[in-house]
Amino acid sequence: MRRAQERRNVHISCGLRINPEFSTGEHEIYDPCAKGSRLGIMLSNFNNEELDGIEGLHFHTLCEQNSDDLKSTLEVVIEKFGKFIKNLKWINFGGGHHITRADYNIDTLKECINIMKNE
């Protein structure tokens, strides 16, 4: 009984997956922003009036890519969705960062995090 009661007191933070319609990948089959993709909400379908209960946004556009592609994508995300981000609690940069690559630029990743902290 106690465990069920504890679960009722847990806050679940809900977010939406967005599609910035900006591709950096080489293989369209793995590209969630490819033409005709149904992954994520595009700006043209995004309705700020329907965000009650939504605390964050998520984009997942990378596929084993470096942080320079994240930075390019983040610029587009801010351009398109920045006015909505300001009123939310969090943003998730998604997966696909090949952070274990020998040439992955951690400093660029830190820069992207700091850009969002100041947004």
PDB file of N, CA and C in Angstrom:
ATOM      1  N   MET A   1       0.823  -1.194   0.000  1.00  0.00           N
ATOM      2  CA  MET A   1       0.000   0.000   0.000  1.00  0.00           C
ATOM      3  C   MET A   1       0.869   1.260   0.000  1.00  0.00           C
ATOM      4  N   ARG A   2       1.945   1.225   0.792  1.00  0.00           N
ATOM      5  CA  ARG A   2       2.809   2.400   0.873  1.00  0.00           C
ATOM      6  C   ARG A   2       3.435   2.713  -0.480  1.00  0.00           C
ATOM      7  N   ARG A   3       3.864   1.688  -1.192  1.00  0.00           N
ATOM      8  CA  ARG A   3       4.496   1.874  -2.502  1.00  0.00           C
ATOM      9  C   ARG A   3       3.528   2.534  -3.493  1.00  0.00           C
ATOM     10  N   ALA A   4       2.281   2.103  -3.502  1.00  0.00           N
ATOM     11  CA  ALA A   4       1.274   2.703  -4.384  1.00  0.00           C
ATOM     12  C   ALA A   4       1.045   4.160  -4.007  1.00  0.00           C
ATOM     13  N   GLN A   5       1.044   4.442  -2.727  1.00  0.00           N
ATOM     14  CA  GLN A   5       0.853   5.818  -2.273  1.00  0.00           C
ATOM     15  C   GLN A   5       2.042   6.682  -2.699  1.00  0.00           C
ATOM     16  N   GLU A   6       3.262   6.151  -2.612  1.00  0.00           N
ATOM     17  CA  GLU A   6       4.451   6.886  -3.044  1.00  0.00           C
ATOM     18  C   GLU A   6       4.368   7.211  -4.527  1.00  0.00           C
ATOM     19  N   ARG A   7       3.893   6.280  -5.334  1.00  0.00           N
ATOM     20  CA  ARG A   7       3.772   6.510  -6.773  1.00  0.00           C
ATOM     21  C   ARG A   7       2.803   7.639  -7.083  1.00  0.00           C
ATOM     22  N   ARG A   8       1.761   7.774  -6.320  1.00  0.00           N
ATOM     23  CA  ARG A   8       0.795   8.842  -6.548  1.00  0.00           C
ATOM     24  C   ARG A   8       1.406  10.212  -6.302  1.00  0.00           C
ATOM     25  N   ASN A   9       2.452  10.283  -5.516  1.00  0.00           N
ATOM     26  CA  ASN A   9       3.088  11.547  -5.196  1.00  0.00           C
ATOM     27  C   ASN A   9       4.215  11.911  -6.166  1.00  0.00           C
ATOM     28  N   VAL A  10       4.470  11.080  -7.138  1.00  0.00           N
ATOM     29  CA  VAL A  10       5.525  11.322  -8.110  1.00  0.00           C
ATOM     30  C   VAL A  10       4.995  12.232  -9.212  1.00  0.00           C
ATOM     31  N   HIS A  11       5.777  13.248  -9.537  1.00  0.00           N
ATOM     32  CA  HIS A  11       5.400  14.150 -10.628  1.00  0.00           C
ATOM     33  C   HIS A  11       5.994  13.627 -11.932  1.00  0.00           C
ATOM     34  N   ILE A  12       5.183  13.487 -12.928  1.00  0.00           N
ATOM     35  CA  ILE A  12       5.646  13.077 -14.249  1.00  0.00           C
ATOM     36  C   ILE A  12       5.680  14.312 -15.130  1.00  0.00           C
ATOM     37  N   SER A  13       6.846  14.576 -15.699  1.00  0.00           N
ATOM     38  CA  SER A  13       7.027  15.742 -16.553  1.00  0.00           C
ATOM     39  C   SER A  13       6.837  15.324 -18.007  1.00  0.00           C
ATOM     40  N   CYS A  14       5.853  15.891 -18.658  1.00  0.00           N
ATOM     41  CA  CYS A  14       5.537  15.521 -20.039  1.00  0.00           C
ATOM     42  C   CYS A  14       6.124  16.527 -21.025  1.00  0.00           C
ATOM     43  N   GLY A  15       6.536  16.009 -22.162  1.00  0.00           N
ATOM     44  CA  GLY A  15       7.064  16.853 -23.215  1.00  0.00           C
ATOM     45  C   GLY A  15       6.601  16.377 -24.578  1.00  0.00           C
ATOM     46  N   LEU A  16       6.933  17.156 -25.582  1.00  0.00           N
ATOM     47  CA  LEU A  16       6.573  16.833 -26.959  1.00  0.00           C
ATOM     48  C   LEU A  16       7.828  16.700 -27.800  1.00  0.00           C
ATOM     49  N   ARG A  17       7.795  15.780 -28.737  1.00  0.00           N
ATOM     50  CA  ARG A  17       8.885  15.655 -29.698  1.00  0.00           C
ATOM     51  C   ARG A  17       8.616  16.615 -30.848  1.00  0.00           C
ATOM     52  N   ILE A  18       9.598  17.461 -31.124  1.00  0.00           N
ATOM     53  CA  ILE A  18       9.476  18.409 -32.227  1.00  0.00           C
ATOM     54  C   ILE A  18      10.348  17.960 -33.389  1.00  0.00           C
ATOM     55  N   ASN A  19       9.981  18.410 -34.561  1.00  0.00           N
ATOM     56  CA  ASN A  19      10.741  18.138 -35.777  1.00  0.00           C
ATOM     57  C   ASN A  19      11.187  19.485 -36.347  1.00  0.00           C
ATOM     58  N   PRO A  20      12.472  19.821 -36.203  1.00  0.00           N
ATOM     59  CA  PRO A  20      12.929  21.114 -36.703  1.00  0.00           C
ATOM     60  C   PRO A  20      13.033  21.204 -38.223  1.00  0.00           C
ATOM     61  N   GLU A  21      12.777  20.080 -38.898  1.00  0.00           N
ATOM     62  CA  GLU A  21      12.847  20.043 -40.367  1.00  0.00           C
ATOM     63  C   GLU A  21      14.214  20.518 -40.860  1.00  0.00           C
ATOM     64  N   PHE A  22      15.254  20.045 -40.194  1.00  0.00           N
ATOM     65  CA  PHE A  22      16.623  20.410 -40.530  1.00  0.00           C
ATOM     66  C   PHE A  22      17.461  19.148 -40.454  1.00  0.00           C
ATOM     67  N   SER A  23      18.034  18.760 -41.567  1.00  0.00           N
ATOM     68  CA  SER A  23      18.778  17.506 -41.650  1.00  0.00           C
ATOM     69  C   SER A  23      20.280  17.750 -41.697  1.00  0.00           C
ATOM     70  N   THR A  24      21.003  16.939 -40.937  1.00  0.00           N
ATOM     71  CA  THR A  24      22.460  16.983 -40.983  1.00  0.00           C
ATOM     72  C   THR A  24      23.047  15.617 -41.319  1.00  0.00           C
ATOM     73  N   GLY A  25      22.208  14.611 -41.377  1.00  0.00           N
ATOM     74  CA  GLY A  25      22.671  13.251 -41.630  1.00  0.00           C
ATOM     75  C   GLY A  25      22.876  12.965 -43.103  1.00  0.00           C
ATOM     76  N   GLU A  26      23.592  11.898 -43.347  1.00  0.00           N
ATOM     77  CA  GLU A  26      23.907  11.501 -44.724  1.00  0.00           C
ATOM     78  C   GLU A  26      22.929  10.465 -45.272  1.00  0.00           C
ATOM     79  N   HIS A  27      22.218   9.777 -44.386  1.00  0.00           N
ATOM     80  CA  HIS A  27      21.358   8.676 -44.811  1.00  0.00           C
ATOM     81  C   HIS A  27      19.896   9.006 -44.520  1.00  0.00           C
ATOM     82  N   GLU A  28      19.135   9.285 -45.551  1.00  0.00           N
ATOM     83  CA  GLU A  28      17.740   9.687 -45.386  1.00  0.00           C
ATOM     84  C   GLU A  28      16.918   8.659 -44.622  1.00  0.00           C
ATOM     85  N   ILE A  29      17.226   7.402 -44.778  1.00  0.00           N
ATOM     86  CA  ILE A  29      16.452   6.348 -44.108  1.00  0.00           C
ATOM     87  C   ILE A  29      16.509   6.491 -42.585  1.00  0.00           C
ATOM     88  N   TYR A  30      17.592   7.064 -42.058  1.00  0.00           N
ATOM     89  CA  TYR A  30      17.732   7.246 -40.612  1.00  0.00           C
ATOM     90  C   TYR A  30      17.422   8.676 -40.176  1.00  0.00           C
ATOM     91  N   ASP A  31      16.949   9.493 -41.080  1.00  0.00           N
ATOM     92  CA  ASP A  31      16.767  10.910 -40.817  1.00  0.00           C
ATOM     93  C   ASP A  31      15.331  11.210 -40.396  1.00  0.00           C
ATOM     94  N   PRO A  32      15.103  11.539 -39.111  1.00  0.00           N
ATOM     95  CA  PRO A  32      13.742  11.842 -38.670  1.00  0.00           C
ATOM     96  C   PRO A  32      13.214  13.165 -39.216  1.00  0.00           C
ATOM     97  N   CYS A  33      14.071  13.939 -39.867  1.00  0.00           N
ATOM     98  CA  CYS A  33      13.632  15.209 -40.456  1.00  0.00           C
ATOM     99  C   CYS A  33      13.505  15.111 -41.979  1.00  0.00           C
ATOM    100  N   ALA A  34      13.630  13.915 -42.524  1.00  0.00           N
ATOM    101  CA  ALA A  34      13.512  13.733 -43.974  1.00  0.00           C
ATOM    102  C   ALA A  34      12.104  14.094 -44.437  1.00  0.00           C
ATOM    103  N   LYS A  35      12.009  14.471 -45.666  1.00  0.00           N
ATOM    104  CA  LYS A  35      10.705  14.817 -46.239  1.00  0.00           C
ATOM    105  C   LYS A  35       9.735  13.650 -46.038  1.00  0.00           C
ATOM    106  N   GLY A  36       8.554  13.975 -45.551  1.00  0.00           N
ATOM    107  CA  GLY A  36       7.533  12.959 -45.326  1.00  0.00           C
ATOM    108  C   GLY A  36       7.608  12.293 -43.961  1.00  0.00           C
ATOM    109  N   SER A  37       8.585  12.670 -43.143  1.00  0.00           N
ATOM    110  CA  SER A  37       8.713  12.065 -41.822  1.00  0.00           C
ATOM    111  C   SER A  37       7.509  12.420 -40.958  1.00  0.00           C
ATOM    112  N   ARG A  38       7.105  11.475 -40.139  1.00  0.00           N
ATOM    113  CA  ARG A  38       6.011  11.722 -39.198  1.00  0.00           C
ATOM    114  C   ARG A  38       6.526  11.762 -37.760  1.00  0.00           C
ATOM    115  N   LEU A  39       7.853  11.881 -37.619  1.00  0.00           N
ATOM    116  CA  LEU A  39       8.449  11.904 -36.292  1.00  0.00           C
ATOM    117  C   LEU A  39       8.602  13.342 -35.797  1.00  0.00           C
ATOM    118  N   GLY A  40       7.863  13.696 -34.817  1.00  0.00           N
ATOM    119  CA  GLY A  40       7.941  15.023 -34.235  1.00  0.00           C
ATOM    120  C   GLY A  40       6.956  15.996 -34.850  1.00  0.00           C
ATOM    121  N   ILE A  41       6.651  17.012 -34.074  1.00  0.00           N
ATOM    122  CA  ILE A  41       5.702  18.040 -34.504  1.00  0.00           C
ATOM    123  C   ILE A  41       6.464  19.141 -35.227  1.00  0.00           C
ATOM    124  N   MET A  42       6.064  19.424 -36.444  1.00  0.00           N
ATOM    125  CA  MET A  42       6.677  20.501 -37.210  1.00  0.00           C
ATOM    126  C   MET A  42       6.078  21.827 -36.748  1.00  0.00           C
ATOM    127  N   LEU A  43       6.806  22.908 -36.967  1.00  0.00           N
ATOM    128  CA  LEU A  43       6.349  24.225 -36.527  1.00  0.00           C
ATOM    129  C   LEU A  43       4.970  24.554 -37.093  1.00  0.00           C
ATOM    130  N   SER A  44       4.716  24.163 -38.326  1.00  0.00           N
ATOM    131  CA  SER A  44       3.418  24.472 -38.948  1.00  0.00           C
ATOM    132  C   SER A  44       2.254  23.787 -38.223  1.00  0.00           C
ATOM    133  N   ASN A  45       2.525  22.726 -37.457  1.00  0.00           N
ATOM    134  CA  ASN A  45       1.490  22.011 -36.714  1.00  0.00           C
ATOM    135  C   ASN A  45       1.563  22.255 -35.213  1.00  0.00           C
ATOM    136  N   PHE A  46       2.462  23.122 -34.808  1.00  0.00           N
ATOM    137  CA  PHE A  46       2.684  23.369 -33.385  1.00  0.00           C
ATOM    138  C   PHE A  46       1.735  24.459 -32.919  1.00  0.00           C
ATOM    139  N   ASN A  47       0.979  24.172 -31.881  1.00  0.00           N
ATOM    140  CA  ASN A  47      -0.008  25.127 -31.382  1.00  0.00           C
ATOM    141  C   ASN A  47       0.311  25.479 -29.937  1.00  0.00           C
ATOM    142  N   ASN A  48       0.791  26.681 -29.732  1.00  0.00           N
ATOM    143  CA  ASN A  48       1.148  27.155 -28.405  1.00  0.00           C
ATOM    144  C   ASN A  48      -0.038  27.149 -27.452  1.00  0.00           C
ATOM    145  N   GLU A  49      -1.242  27.240 -27.971  1.00  0.00           N
ATOM    146  CA  GLU A  49      -2.444  27.265 -27.139  1.00  0.00           C
ATOM    147  C   GLU A  49      -2.766  25.897 -26.549  1.00  0.00           C
ATOM    148  N   GLU A  50      -2.114  24.853 -27.043  1.00  0.00           N
ATOM    149  CA  GLU A  50      -2.412  23.497 -26.587  1.00  0.00           C
ATOM    150  C   GLU A  50      -1.262  22.904 -25.780  1.00  0.00           C
ATOM    151  N   LEU A  51      -0.551  23.735 -25.019  1.00  0.00           N
ATOM    152  CA  LEU A  51       0.608  23.258 -24.269  1.00  0.00           C
ATOM    153  C   LEU A  51       0.334  23.062 -22.774  1.00  0.00           C
ATOM    154  N   ASP A  52      -0.921  23.116 -22.368  1.00  0.00           N
ATOM    155  CA  ASP A  52      -1.235  22.885 -20.955  1.00  0.00           C
ATOM    156  C   ASP A  52      -0.710  21.519 -20.532  1.00  0.00           C
ATOM    157  N   GLY A  53       0.063  21.502 -19.470  1.00  0.00           N
ATOM    158  CA  GLY A  53       0.620  20.245 -18.956  1.00  0.00           C
ATOM    159  C   GLY A  53       1.922  19.840 -19.607  1.00  0.00           C
ATOM    160  N   ILE A  54       2.347  20.532 -20.649  1.00  0.00           N
ATOM    161  CA  ILE A  54       3.613  20.218 -21.317  1.00  0.00           C
ATOM    162  C   ILE A  54       4.722  21.028 -20.670  1.00  0.00           C
ATOM    163  N   GLU A  55       5.775  20.338 -20.233  1.00  0.00           N
ATOM    164  CA  GLU A  55       6.866  21.007 -19.536  1.00  0.00           C
ATOM    165  C   GLU A  55       8.152  21.083 -20.351  1.00  0.00           C
ATOM    166  N   GLY A  56       8.225  20.349 -21.447  1.00  0.00           N
ATOM    167  CA  GLY A  56       9.472  20.352 -22.195  1.00  0.00           C
ATOM    168  C   GLY A  56       9.299  19.956 -23.642  1.00  0.00           C
ATOM    169  N   LEU A  57      10.382  20.134 -24.377  1.00  0.00           N
ATOM    170  CA  LEU A  57      10.441  19.733 -25.783  1.00  0.00           C
ATOM    171  C   LEU A  57      11.635  18.813 -25.988  1.00  0.00           C
ATOM    172  N   HIS A  58      11.501  17.935 -26.955  1.00  0.00           N
ATOM    173  CA  HIS A  58      12.531  16.944 -27.259  1.00  0.00           C
ATOM    174  C   HIS A  58      12.740  16.921 -28.768  1.00  0.00           C
ATOM    175  N   PHE A  59      13.978  16.920 -29.197  1.00  0.00           N
ATOM    176  CA  PHE A  59      14.263  16.656 -30.608  1.00  0.00           C
ATOM    177  C   PHE A  59      15.349  15.606 -30.689  1.00  0.00           C
ATOM    178  N   HIS A  60      15.190  14.696 -31.620  1.00  0.00           N
ATOM    179  CA  HIS A  60      16.151  13.615 -31.823  1.00  0.00           C
ATOM    180  C   HIS A  60      16.419  13.570 -33.323  1.00  0.00           C
ATOM    181  N   THR A  61      17.498  14.215 -33.733  1.00  0.00           N
ATOM    182  CA  THR A  61      17.758  14.352 -35.168  1.00  0.00           C
ATOM    183  C   THR A  61      19.119  13.821 -35.586  1.00  0.00           C
ATOM    184  N   LEU A  62      19.934  13.429 -34.640  1.00  0.00           N
ATOM    185  CA  LEU A  62      21.302  13.023 -34.965  1.00  0.00           C
ATOM    186  C   LEU A  62      21.415  11.509 -35.046  1.00  0.00           C
ATOM    187  N   CYS A  63      22.375  11.054 -35.834  1.00  0.00           N
ATOM    188  CA  CYS A  63      22.649   9.621 -35.975  1.00  0.00           C
ATOM    189  C   CYS A  63      24.162   9.440 -36.021  1.00  0.00           C
ATOM    190  N   GLU A  64      24.737   9.138 -34.857  1.00  0.00           N
ATOM    191  CA  GLU A  64      26.182   8.957 -34.730  1.00  0.00           C
ATOM    192  C   GLU A  64      26.949  10.155 -35.279  1.00  0.00           C
ATOM    193  N   GLN A  65      26.519  11.345 -34.867  1.00  0.00           N
ATOM    194  CA  GLN A  65      27.127  12.566 -35.375  1.00  0.00           C
ATOM    195  C   GLN A  65      27.845  13.328 -34.269  1.00  0.00           C
ATOM    196  N   ASN A  66      28.645  14.287 -34.688  1.00  0.00           N
ATOM    197  CA  ASN A  66      29.455  15.075 -33.781  1.00  0.00           C
ATOM    198  C   ASN A  66      28.662  16.275 -33.273  1.00  0.00           C
ATOM    199  N   SER A  67      29.233  16.995 -32.335  1.00  0.00           N
ATOM    200  CA  SER A  67      28.536  18.112 -31.705  1.00  0.00           C
ATOM    201  C   SER A  67      28.362  19.316 -32.629  1.00  0.00           C
ATOM    202  N   ASP A  68      29.113  19.407 -33.707  1.00  0.00           N
ATOM    203  CA  ASP A  68      28.897  20.506 -34.652  1.00  0.00           C
ATOM    204  C   ASP A  68      27.518  20.390 -35.305  1.00  0.00           C
ATOM    205  N   ASP A  69      27.069  19.160 -35.556  1.00  0.00           N
ATOM    206  CA  ASP A  69      25.725  18.956 -36.102  1.00  0.00           C
ATOM    207  C   ASP A  69      24.658  19.297 -35.058  1.00  0.00           C
ATOM    208  N   LEU A  70      24.939  18.989 -33.804  1.00  0.00           N
ATOM    209  CA  LEU A  70      24.023  19.388 -32.740  1.00  0.00           C
ATOM    210  C   LEU A  70      23.896  20.907 -32.702  1.00  0.00           C
ATOM    211  N   LYS A  71      25.012  21.599 -32.769  1.00  0.00           N
ATOM    212  CA  LYS A  71      24.989  23.061 -32.710  1.00  0.00           C
ATOM    213  C   LYS A  71      24.189  23.648 -33.872  1.00  0.00           C
ATOM    214  N   SER A  72      24.395  23.129 -35.081  1.00  0.00           N
ATOM    215  CA  SER A  72      23.640  23.602 -36.249  1.00  0.00           C
ATOM    216  C   SER A  72      22.145  23.359 -36.074  1.00  0.00           C
ATOM    217  N   THR A  73      21.799  22.187 -35.569  1.00  0.00           N
ATOM    218  CA  THR A  73      20.396  21.852 -35.346  1.00  0.00           C
ATOM    219  C   THR A  73      19.799  22.730 -34.259  1.00  0.00           C
ATOM    220  N   LEU A  74      20.551  22.935 -33.190  1.00  0.00           N
ATOM    221  CA  LEU A  74      20.059  23.750 -32.084  1.00  0.00           C
ATOM    222  C   LEU A  74      19.752  25.177 -32.531  1.00  0.00           C
ATOM    223  N   GLU A  75      20.560  25.711 -33.418  1.00  0.00           N
ATOM    224  CA  GLU A  75      20.299  27.054 -33.952  1.00  0.00           C
ATOM    225  C   GLU A  75      18.940  27.114 -34.645  1.00  0.00           C
ATOM    226  N   VAL A  76      18.616  26.085 -35.404  1.00  0.00           N
ATOM    227  CA  VAL A  76      17.321  26.028 -36.099  1.00  0.00           C
ATOM    228  C   VAL A  76      16.189  25.827 -35.092  1.00  0.00           C
ATOM    229  N   VAL A  77      16.405  24.974 -34.098  1.00  0.00           N
ATOM    230  CA  VAL A  77      15.389  24.744 -33.069  1.00  0.00           C
ATOM    231  C   VAL A  77      15.067  26.055 -32.358  1.00  0.00           C
ATOM    232  N   ILE A  78      16.090  26.817 -32.017  1.00  0.00           N
ATOM    233  CA  ILE A  78      15.874  28.100 -31.333  1.00  0.00           C
ATOM    234  C   ILE A  78      15.151  29.073 -32.258  1.00  0.00           C
ATOM    235  N   GLU A  79      15.552  29.102 -33.513  1.00  0.00           N
ATOM    236  CA  GLU A  79      14.905  29.998 -34.480  1.00  0.00           C
ATOM    237  C   GLU A  79      13.412  29.689 -34.606  1.00  0.00           C
ATOM    238  N   LYS A  80      13.078  28.401 -34.683  1.00  0.00           N
ATOM    239  CA  LYS A  80      11.688  28.002 -34.918  1.00  0.00           C
ATOM    240  C   LYS A  80      10.866  27.896 -33.641  1.00  0.00           C
ATOM    241  N   PHE A  81      11.452  27.348 -32.574  1.00  0.00           N
ATOM    242  CA  PHE A  81      10.684  27.029 -31.372  1.00  0.00           C
ATOM    243  C   PHE A  81      11.110  27.830 -30.143  1.00  0.00           C
ATOM    244  N   GLY A  82      12.063  28.728 -30.308  1.00  0.00           N
ATOM    245  CA  GLY A  82      12.599  29.476 -29.176  1.00  0.00           C
ATOM    246  C   GLY A  82      11.567  30.210 -28.351  1.00  0.00           C
ATOM    247  N   LYS A  83      10.581  30.781 -29.001  1.00  0.00           N
ATOM    248  CA  LYS A  83       9.558  31.533 -28.256  1.00  0.00           C
ATOM    249  C   LYS A  83       8.728  30.626 -27.346  1.00  0.00           C
ATOM    250  N   PHE A  84       8.682  29.337 -27.653  1.00  0.00           N
ATOM    251  CA  PHE A  84       7.948  28.386 -26.819  1.00  0.00           C
ATOM    252  C   PHE A  84       8.838  27.846 -25.703  1.00  0.00           C
ATOM    253  N   ILE A  85      10.118  27.687 -26.007  1.00  0.00           N
ATOM    254  CA  ILE A  85      11.075  27.117 -25.057  1.00  0.00           C
ATOM    255  C   ILE A  85      11.164  27.964 -23.795  1.00  0.00           C
ATOM    256  N   LYS A  86      11.079  29.266 -23.950  1.00  0.00           N
ATOM    257  CA  LYS A  86      11.217  30.182 -22.813  1.00  0.00           C
ATOM    258  C   LYS A  86      10.215  29.893 -21.697  1.00  0.00           C
ATOM    259  N   ASN A  87       9.071  29.343 -22.030  1.00  0.00           N
ATOM    260  CA  ASN A  87       8.024  29.081 -21.042  1.00  0.00           C
ATOM    261  C   ASN A  87       8.026  27.649 -20.516  1.00  0.00           C
ATOM    262  N   LEU A  88       9.000  26.847 -20.924  1.00  0.00           N
ATOM    263  CA  LEU A  88       9.038  25.447 -20.526  1.00  0.00           C
ATOM    264  C   LEU A  88      10.149  25.198 -19.511  1.00  0.00           C
ATOM    265  N   LYS A  89      10.112  24.035 -18.880  1.00  0.00           N
ATOM    266  CA  LYS A  89      11.103  23.697 -17.857  1.00  0.00           C
ATOM    267  C   LYS A  89      12.360  23.050 -18.434  1.00  0.00           C
ATOM    268  N   TRP A  90      12.215  22.324 -19.538  1.00  0.00           N
ATOM    269  CA  TRP A  90      13.366  21.581 -20.030  1.00  0.00           C
ATOM    270  C   TRP A  90      13.330  21.408 -21.538  1.00  0.00           C
ATOM    271  N   ILE A  91      14.498  21.067 -22.069  1.00  0.00           N
ATOM    272  CA  ILE A  91      14.632  20.670 -23.474  1.00  0.00           C
ATOM    273  C   ILE A  91      15.586  19.489 -23.507  1.00  0.00           C
ATOM    274  N   ASN A  92      15.263  18.513 -24.325  1.00  0.00           N
ATOM    275  CA  ASN A  92      16.077  17.308 -24.461  1.00  0.00           C
ATOM    276  C   ASN A  92      16.672  17.308 -25.865  1.00  0.00           C
ATOM    277  N   PHE A  93      17.993  17.251 -25.949  1.00  0.00           N
ATOM    278  CA  PHE A  93      18.689  17.272 -27.232  1.00  0.00           C
ATOM    279  C   PHE A  93      18.617  15.934 -27.970  1.00  0.00           C
ATOM    280  N   GLY A  94      17.977  14.956 -27.384  1.00  0.00           N
ATOM    281  CA  GLY A  94      17.828  13.666 -28.042  1.00  0.00           C
ATOM    282  C   GLY A  94      19.103  12.851 -28.047  1.00  0.00           C
ATOM    283  N   GLY A  95      19.066  11.776 -28.774  1.00  0.00           N
ATOM    284  CA  GLY A  95      20.218  10.896 -28.866  1.00  0.00           C
ATOM    285  C   GLY A  95      20.920  11.076 -30.186  1.00  0.00           C
ATOM    286  N   GLY A  96      21.785  10.147 -30.488  1.00  0.00           N
ATOM    287  CA  GLY A  96      22.503  10.174 -31.743  1.00  0.00           C
ATOM    288  C   GLY A  96      23.838  10.881 -31.670  1.00  0.00           C
ATOM    289  N   HIS A  97      24.128  11.492 -30.513  1.00  0.00           N
ATOM    290  CA  HIS A  97      25.440  12.116 -30.341  1.00  0.00           C
ATOM    291  C   HIS A  97      26.453  10.992 -30.193  1.00  0.00           C
ATOM    292  N   HIS A  98      27.448  10.997 -31.011  1.00  0.00           N
ATOM    293  CA  HIS A  98      28.466   9.942 -30.928  1.00  0.00           C
ATOM    294  C   HIS A  98      29.566  10.414 -29.983  1.00  0.00           C
ATOM    295  N   ILE A  99      29.169  10.559 -28.724  1.00  0.00           N
ATOM    296  CA  ILE A  99      30.018  11.168 -27.707  1.00  0.00           C
ATOM    297  C   ILE A  99      31.267  10.350 -27.400  1.00  0.00           C
ATOM    298  N   THR A 100      31.271   9.077 -27.771  1.00  0.00           N
ATOM    299  CA  THR A 100      32.447   8.237 -27.520  1.00  0.00           C
ATOM    300  C   THR A 100      33.449   8.267 -28.675  1.00  0.00           C
ATOM    301  N   ARG A 101      33.112   9.003 -29.730  1.00  0.00           N
ATOM    302  CA  ARG A 101      34.072   9.166 -30.834  1.00  0.00           C
ATOM    303  C   ARG A 101      35.307   9.887 -30.325  1.00  0.00           C
ATOM    304  N   ALA A 102      36.445   9.517 -30.845  1.00  0.00           N
ATOM    305  CA  ALA A 102      37.697  10.162 -30.432  1.00  0.00           C
ATOM    306  C   ALA A 102      37.692  11.655 -30.761  1.00  0.00           C
ATOM    307  N   ASP A 103      36.994  12.029 -31.825  1.00  0.00           N
ATOM    308  CA  ASP A 103      36.998  13.438 -32.238  1.00  0.00           C
ATOM    309  C   ASP A 103      35.753  14.207 -31.797  1.00  0.00           C
ATOM    310  N   TYR A 104      34.927  13.627 -30.912  1.00  0.00           N
ATOM    311  CA  TYR A 104      33.725  14.335 -30.459  1.00  0.00           C
ATOM    312  C   TYR A 104      34.159  15.567 -29.675  1.00  0.00           C
ATOM    313  N   ASN A 105      33.597  16.696 -30.030  1.00  0.00           N
ATOM    314  CA  ASN A 105      33.986  17.963 -29.428  1.00  0.00           C
ATOM    315  C   ASN A 105      33.093  18.281 -28.222  1.00  0.00           C
ATOM    316  N   ILE A 106      33.569  17.917 -27.061  1.00  0.00           N
ATOM    317  CA  ILE A 106      32.831  18.140 -25.818  1.00  0.00           C
ATOM    318  C   ILE A 106      32.632  19.637 -25.567  1.00  0.00           C
ATOM    319  N   ASP A 107      33.612  20.459 -25.950  1.00  0.00           N
ATOM    320  CA  ASP A 107      33.475  21.904 -25.736  1.00  0.00           C
ATOM    321  C   ASP A 107      32.279  22.473 -26.502  1.00  0.00           C
ATOM    322  N   THR A 108      32.025  21.967 -27.702  1.00  0.00           N
ATOM    323  CA  THR A 108      30.861  22.424 -28.469  1.00  0.00           C
ATOM    324  C   THR A 108      29.574  21.964 -27.792  1.00  0.00           C
ATOM    325  N   LEU A 109      29.576  20.761 -27.260  1.00  0.00           N
ATOM    326  CA  LEU A 109      28.411  20.274 -26.512  1.00  0.00           C
ATOM    327  C   LEU A 109      28.154  21.182 -25.308  1.00  0.00           C
ATOM    328  N   LYS A 110      29.185  21.525 -24.573  1.00  0.00           N
ATOM    329  CA  LYS A 110      29.043  22.428 -23.419  1.00  0.00           C
ATOM    330  C   LYS A 110      28.506  23.787 -23.878  1.00  0.00           C
ATOM    331  N   GLU A 111      28.990  24.260 -25.017  1.00  0.00           N
ATOM    332  CA  GLU A 111      28.518  25.532 -25.567  1.00  0.00           C
ATOM    333  C   GLU A 111      27.012  25.467 -25.849  1.00  0.00           C
ATOM    334  N   CYS A 112      26.573  24.351 -26.428  1.00  0.00           N
ATOM    335  CA  CYS A 112      25.140  24.184 -26.725  1.00  0.00           C
ATOM    336  C   CYS A 112      24.312  24.185 -25.441  1.00  0.00           C
ATOM    337  N   ILE A 113      24.808  23.530 -24.415  1.00  0.00           N
ATOM    338  CA  ILE A 113      24.106  23.501 -23.137  1.00  0.00           C
ATOM    339  C   ILE A 113      24.013  24.922 -22.567  1.00  0.00           C
ATOM    340  N   ASN A 114      25.094  25.650 -22.630  1.00  0.00           N
ATOM    341  CA  ASN A 114      25.101  27.017 -22.103  1.00  0.00           C
ATOM    342  C   ASN A 114      24.195  27.946 -22.922  1.00  0.00           C
ATOM    343  N   ILE A 115      24.143  27.746 -24.215  1.00  0.00           N
ATOM    344  CA  ILE A 115      23.231  28.543 -25.058  1.00  0.00           C
ATOM    345  C   ILE A 115      21.802  28.352 -24.562  1.00  0.00           C
ATOM    346  N   MET A 116      21.426  27.109 -24.294  1.00  0.00           N
ATOM    347  CA  MET A 116      20.051  26.838 -23.846  1.00  0.00           C
ATOM    348  C   MET A 116      19.805  27.359 -22.439  1.00  0.00           C
ATOM    349  N   LYS A 117      20.813  27.324 -21.599  1.00  0.00           N
ATOM    350  CA  LYS A 117      20.655  27.857 -20.234  1.00  0.00           C
ATOM    351  C   LYS A 117      20.352  29.346 -20.272  1.00  0.00           C
ATOM    352  N   ASN A 118      20.892  30.036 -21.270  1.00  0.00           N
ATOM    353  CA  ASN A 118      20.715  31.481 -21.384  1.00  0.00           C
ATOM    354  C   ASN A 118      19.542  31.880 -22.277  1.00  0.00           C
ATOM    355  N   GLU A 119      18.891  30.924 -22.871  1.00  0.00           N
ATOM    356  CA  GLU A 119      17.784  31.190 -23.813  1.00  0.00           C
ATOM    357  C   GLU A 119      16.567  31.702 -23.096  1.00  0.00           C
TER     358      GLU A 119
END
